[in-house]
Amino acid sequence: MKKSFVPLRTFRDLSDANRQLHEWIMQEASIRKHGTTHEQPLARFAVEKPLLAALPDVPPVLAVWKQVSVHSDGHVVYRKALYSVPFTLVGKDLWLKATDTVVQLFHQHGLVATHPRLRKPGDRHTVRDHQPPAAQAWLEHDPQWCLTRAREIGPACLAVALALFNDQVLVNLRGVQGILRLREKVGDQRLNAACDRALAFASPSYRTVKGILDKGLDSEPVAAAPQTLTDTYLSGGRFGRDLNSLLLH
């Protein structure tokens, strides 16, 4: 149509375009020999027409199949999104079936996980029952439990937890749980010192605290935070005026 019908033609309206297209199909395109079948399309259609069946009442579900590997965190990756599977399948190869709305995972022809389809890169859908028992126990620890444990570790650790919870409680709950889990590895003193350093750099997050501990920076002295507000700003600014003076004009 683009190369043989449309060039050098003009159309008054849509009806005229459809009329010309029908004439071109029936009088030219369908009676010349096709380059692949070496038959006239009309003659070929006469043979195939009796074999055509009606479309099903319910449209078929289109799906993409892909072989994926289970990472050490118990998730597989598809289109840059992460989906959990039972932790016993870590290191295994699975078959993933993705439709427009659902992602399913199969191991040895058996369905092992079903998830809603995620669209945003980096999104993660985790089923709690897929996690190891120890991880499930940590997921049950609510914010109040985390604050109690953080208070036991030290004031800096408590301040980091409060800073995260004051932002978004549910989003940052796993981050606080991750910080508290570091207690088992480094102890209260080092963890509290790392939190103190993270606060000094205005970066209270799991990634910062873990990075400080991994690099051994928790033993370094924490410099006093620089004073960023000068007298000019504290006193209202050089050209600042109070409300009463503004209302006089």
Protein backbone atom coordinates (compact mmCIF):
# COMPACT_ATOMS: atom_id res chain seq x y z
CA MET A 1 0.00 0.00 0.00
CA LYS A 2 2.75 2.48 0.89
CA LYS A 3 4.81 1.86 -2.24
CA SER A 4 2.25 0.85 -4.86
CA PHE A 5 -1.09 2.40 -3.92
CA VAL A 6 -0.57 5.63 -1.99
CA PRO A 7 2.07 7.40 -4.17
CA LEU A 8 0.70 9.86 -6.76
CA ARG A 9 -2.92 9.43 -5.60
CA THR A 10 -5.23 12.07 -4.16
CA PHE A 11 -8.38 11.51 -2.13
CA ARG A 12 -11.41 13.77 -1.71
CA ASP A 13 -12.44 12.13 1.56
CA LEU A 14 -12.31 8.83 3.46
CA SER A 15 -15.06 7.25 1.34
CA ASP A 16 -13.16 8.09 -1.82
CA ALA A 17 -9.95 6.63 -0.36
CA ASN A 18 -11.74 3.37 0.56
CA ARG A 19 -13.32 3.14 -2.92
CA GLN A 20 -9.99 3.59 -4.69
CA LEU A 21 -8.30 1.12 -2.34
CA HIS A 22 -10.99 -1.54 -3.01
CA GLU A 23 -10.61 -1.11 -6.76
CA TRP A 24 -6.82 -1.36 -6.53
CA ILE A 25 -7.01 -4.55 -4.43
CA MET A 26 -9.54 -6.32 -6.65
CA GLN A 27 -8.26 -5.16 -10.04
CA GLU A 28 -4.50 -5.06 -9.50
CA ALA A 29 -2.97 -6.28 -6.21
CA SER A 30 -5.03 -9.48 -5.88
CA ILE A 31 -4.69 -10.71 -9.46
CA ARG A 32 -0.93 -10.33 -9.97
CA LYS A 33 1.42 -13.13 -8.98
CA HIS A 34 2.65 -12.86 -5.38
CA GLY A 35 6.41 -12.76 -4.95
CA THR A 36 6.50 -15.38 -2.17
CA THR A 37 3.68 -17.81 -3.02
CA HIS A 38 3.96 -17.30 -6.80
CA GLU A 39 0.14 -17.41 -6.90
CA GLN A 40 -2.60 -14.85 -7.33
CA PRO A 41 -3.81 -13.76 -3.86
CA LEU A 42 -7.47 -14.10 -4.89
CA ALA A 43 -6.90 -17.65 -6.13
CA ARG A 44 -5.02 -18.56 -2.94
CA PHE A 45 -7.78 -17.03 -0.77
CA ALA A 46 -10.42 -19.13 -2.55
CA VAL A 47 -8.57 -22.23 -1.31
CA GLU A 48 -8.04 -20.99 2.26
CA LYS A 49 -11.45 -19.38 2.86
CA PRO A 50 -13.31 -22.65 3.66
CA LEU A 51 -10.62 -23.49 6.26
CA LEU A 52 -11.04 -20.28 8.25
CA ALA A 53 -12.64 -20.64 11.70
CA ALA A 54 -14.48 -18.10 13.81
CA LEU A 55 -12.57 -16.25 16.51
CA PRO A 56 -13.09 -17.57 20.07
CA ASP A 57 -15.59 -15.81 22.31
CA VAL A 58 -12.78 -15.16 24.82
CA PRO A 59 -9.61 -13.72 23.28
CA PRO A 60 -6.46 -15.78 23.90
CA VAL A 61 -3.98 -14.48 26.47
CA LEU A 62 -0.75 -13.37 24.84
CA ALA A 63 2.31 -14.25 26.91
CA VAL A 64 6.08 -14.10 26.77
CA TRP A 65 8.12 -17.08 28.02
CA LYS A 66 11.67 -16.63 29.26
CA GLN A 67 14.17 -18.72 31.20
CA VAL A 68 15.46 -16.91 34.31
CA SER A 69 17.81 -17.68 37.21
CA VAL A 70 16.99 -17.20 40.89
CA HIS A 71 19.42 -14.75 42.53
CA SER A 72 20.84 -15.14 46.02
CA ASP A 73 18.16 -12.82 47.45
CA GLY A 74 15.42 -15.21 46.27
CA HIS A 75 14.23 -13.03 43.37
CA VAL A 76 14.28 -13.22 39.59
CA VAL A 77 14.54 -10.22 37.27
CA TYR A 78 12.27 -9.55 34.31
CA ARG A 79 12.24 -6.22 32.47
CA LYS A 80 14.30 -4.71 35.32
CA ALA A 81 11.66 -5.60 37.95
CA LEU A 82 12.15 -8.19 40.71
CA TYR A 83 9.82 -11.06 41.65
CA SER A 84 10.26 -13.42 44.60
CA VAL A 85 10.21 -17.24 44.55
CA PRO A 86 10.54 -19.77 47.40
CA PHE A 87 14.03 -19.45 48.94
CA THR A 88 14.71 -23.16 48.36
CA LEU A 89 15.00 -22.39 44.63
CA VAL A 90 17.99 -20.04 44.95
CA GLY A 91 20.42 -20.80 42.15
CA LYS A 92 17.85 -22.72 40.09
CA ASP A 93 16.74 -21.97 36.53
CA LEU A 94 13.02 -21.31 36.14
CA TRP A 95 10.63 -20.58 33.32
CA LEU A 96 8.87 -17.22 33.53
CA LYS A 97 5.54 -16.54 31.84
CA ALA A 98 4.64 -12.86 31.54
CA THR A 99 1.28 -11.55 30.37
CA ASP A 100 0.08 -7.97 30.34
CA THR A 101 -1.12 -8.25 33.96
CA VAL A 102 0.50 -11.31 35.60
CA VAL A 103 3.94 -12.89 35.98
CA GLN A 104 4.12 -16.63 36.77
CA LEU A 105 7.17 -18.76 37.52
CA PHE A 106 7.51 -22.50 36.92
CA HIS A 107 10.02 -25.08 38.14
CA GLN A 108 9.99 -28.52 36.55
CA HIS A 109 6.58 -27.78 34.99
CA GLY A 110 5.10 -26.82 38.37
CA LEU A 111 3.81 -23.33 39.23
CA VAL A 112 5.85 -21.92 42.14
CA ALA A 113 4.98 -18.20 42.18
CA THR A 114 2.42 -15.72 40.83
CA HIS A 115 2.86 -11.94 40.89
CA PRO A 116 1.15 -8.86 39.47
CA ARG A 117 3.06 -7.47 36.51
CA LEU A 118 5.35 -4.59 37.50
CA ARG A 119 6.11 -1.76 35.08
CA LYS A 120 8.62 0.53 36.79
CA PRO A 121 12.31 -0.50 36.64
CA GLY A 122 13.59 -1.39 40.11
CA ASP A 123 10.16 -2.26 41.51
CA ARG A 124 10.06 -5.38 43.68
CA HIS A 125 7.20 -7.73 44.60
CA THR A 126 8.02 -10.08 47.47
CA VAL A 127 5.76 -12.73 48.95
CA ARG A 128 6.51 -13.13 52.66
CA ASP A 129 6.13 -16.92 52.56
CA HIS A 130 8.91 -17.08 49.97
CA GLN A 131 11.47 -15.75 52.46
CA PRO A 132 13.56 -17.96 54.80
CA PRO A 133 12.14 -18.36 58.33
CA ALA A 134 14.72 -15.97 59.79
CA ALA A 135 13.84 -13.29 57.24
CA GLN A 136 10.11 -13.79 57.89
CA ALA A 137 10.74 -13.22 61.59
CA TRP A 138 12.45 -9.91 60.83
CA LEU A 139 9.60 -8.82 58.56
CA GLU A 140 7.21 -9.20 61.50
CA HIS A 141 9.12 -6.61 63.55
CA ASP A 142 7.02 -3.43 63.52
CA PRO A 143 8.31 0.17 63.94
CA GLN A 144 7.80 0.13 67.73
CA TRP A 145 9.93 -2.99 68.06
CA CYS A 146 12.62 -1.35 65.92
CA LEU A 147 12.61 1.81 68.04
CA THR A 148 12.99 -0.23 71.22
CA ARG A 149 15.99 -2.12 69.82
CA ALA A 150 17.53 1.11 68.47
CA ARG A 151 17.20 2.73 71.90
CA GLU A 152 19.09 -0.22 73.41
CA ILE A 153 21.96 0.23 70.92
CA GLY A 154 22.46 3.94 71.54
CA PRO A 155 21.14 7.48 71.01
CA ALA A 156 22.64 7.87 67.53
CA CYS A 157 21.05 4.65 66.33
CA LEU A 158 17.71 5.80 67.75
CA ALA A 159 18.10 9.14 65.97
CA VAL A 160 18.71 7.40 62.62
CA ALA A 161 15.62 5.22 63.08
CA LEU A 162 13.49 8.22 63.98
CA ALA A 163 14.79 10.17 60.99
CA LEU A 164 13.83 7.34 58.65
CA PHE A 165 10.43 6.78 60.22
CA ASN A 166 9.65 10.50 60.21
CA ASP A 167 10.06 10.41 56.43
CA GLN A 168 8.08 7.32 55.36
CA VAL A 169 7.42 4.62 57.94
CA LEU A 170 6.39 1.73 55.72
CA VAL A 171 8.91 2.48 52.97
CA ASN A 172 11.84 2.78 55.39
CA LEU A 173 10.88 -0.06 57.73
CA ARG A 174 13.11 -2.54 55.92
CA GLY A 175 15.98 -0.04 56.00
CA VAL A 176 15.71 0.31 59.79
CA GLN A 177 15.44 -3.47 60.14
CA GLY A 178 18.61 -3.80 58.07
CA ILE A 179 20.47 -1.35 60.32
CA LEU A 180 19.39 -3.22 63.44
CA ARG A 181 20.45 -6.51 61.90
CA LEU A 182 24.01 -5.15 61.68
CA ARG A 183 24.04 -5.31 65.48
CA GLU A 184 24.61 -9.06 65.33
CA LYS A 185 27.72 -8.54 63.20
CA VAL A 186 29.46 -5.49 64.70
CA GLY A 187 27.94 -4.97 68.15
CA ASP A 188 26.22 -1.99 69.76
CA GLN A 189 29.22 0.30 70.13
CA ARG A 190 30.37 0.19 66.49
CA LEU A 191 26.83 0.41 65.15
CA ASN A 192 25.98 3.44 67.27
CA ALA A 193 29.25 5.12 66.21
CA ALA A 194 28.43 4.47 62.55
CA CYS A 195 24.97 5.96 63.04
CA ASP A 196 26.54 8.99 64.70
CA ARG A 197 28.80 9.50 61.68
CA ALA A 198 25.87 9.07 59.27
CA LEU A 199 23.94 11.75 61.17
CA ALA A 200 26.94 14.08 61.06
CA PHE A 201 26.89 13.88 57.26
CA ALA A 202 23.08 14.25 57.14
CA SER A 203 22.69 10.82 55.53
CA PRO A 204 20.71 8.58 57.89
CA SER A 205 20.20 5.48 55.72
CA TYR A 206 21.02 1.79 55.73
CA ARG A 207 23.42 2.17 52.80
CA THR A 208 25.40 4.92 54.53
CA VAL A 209 25.61 3.12 57.88
CA LYS A 210 26.68 -0.14 56.25
CA GLY A 211 29.25 1.67 54.10
CA ILE A 212 30.76 3.32 57.17
CA LEU A 213 31.07 -0.04 58.91
CA ASP A 214 32.48 -1.81 55.84
CA LYS A 215 35.19 0.84 55.48
CA GLY A 216 35.94 0.98 59.22
CA LEU A 217 35.12 4.68 59.38
CA ASP A 218 33.10 4.28 62.57
CA SER A 219 36.35 4.56 64.56
CA GLU A 220 37.24 7.91 62.97
CA PRO A 221 36.40 11.07 64.96
CA VAL A 222 33.30 12.90 63.81
CA ALA A 223 34.00 16.54 62.99
CA ALA A 224 31.54 19.13 64.23
CA ALA A 225 28.96 20.06 61.63
CA PRO A 226 29.69 23.47 60.05
CA GLN A 227 27.37 26.35 60.92
CA THR A 228 25.48 27.02 57.72
CA LEU A 229 23.15 29.81 58.91
CA THR A 230 24.89 33.16 59.22
CA ASP A 231 23.77 36.12 61.28
CA THR A 232 22.36 37.71 58.15
CA TYR A 233 19.82 34.95 57.70
CA LEU A 234 19.16 34.50 61.41
CA SER A 235 18.32 38.18 61.82
CA GLY A 236 15.97 38.24 58.84
CA GLY A 237 18.33 39.48 56.12
CA ARG A 238 19.99 42.79 55.47
CA PHE A 239 17.04 44.21 53.52
CA GLY A 240 14.30 42.31 55.37
CA ARG A 241 11.39 44.27 56.83
CA ASP A 242 8.75 43.25 59.32
CA LEU A 243 5.07 42.92 58.50
CA ASN A 244 4.05 46.26 59.96
CA SER A 245 6.48 48.20 57.79
CA LEU A 246 5.29 46.38 54.68
CA LEU A 247 1.65 47.22 55.38
CA LEU A 248 2.42 50.95 55.48
CA HIS A 249 2.92 51.03 51.66
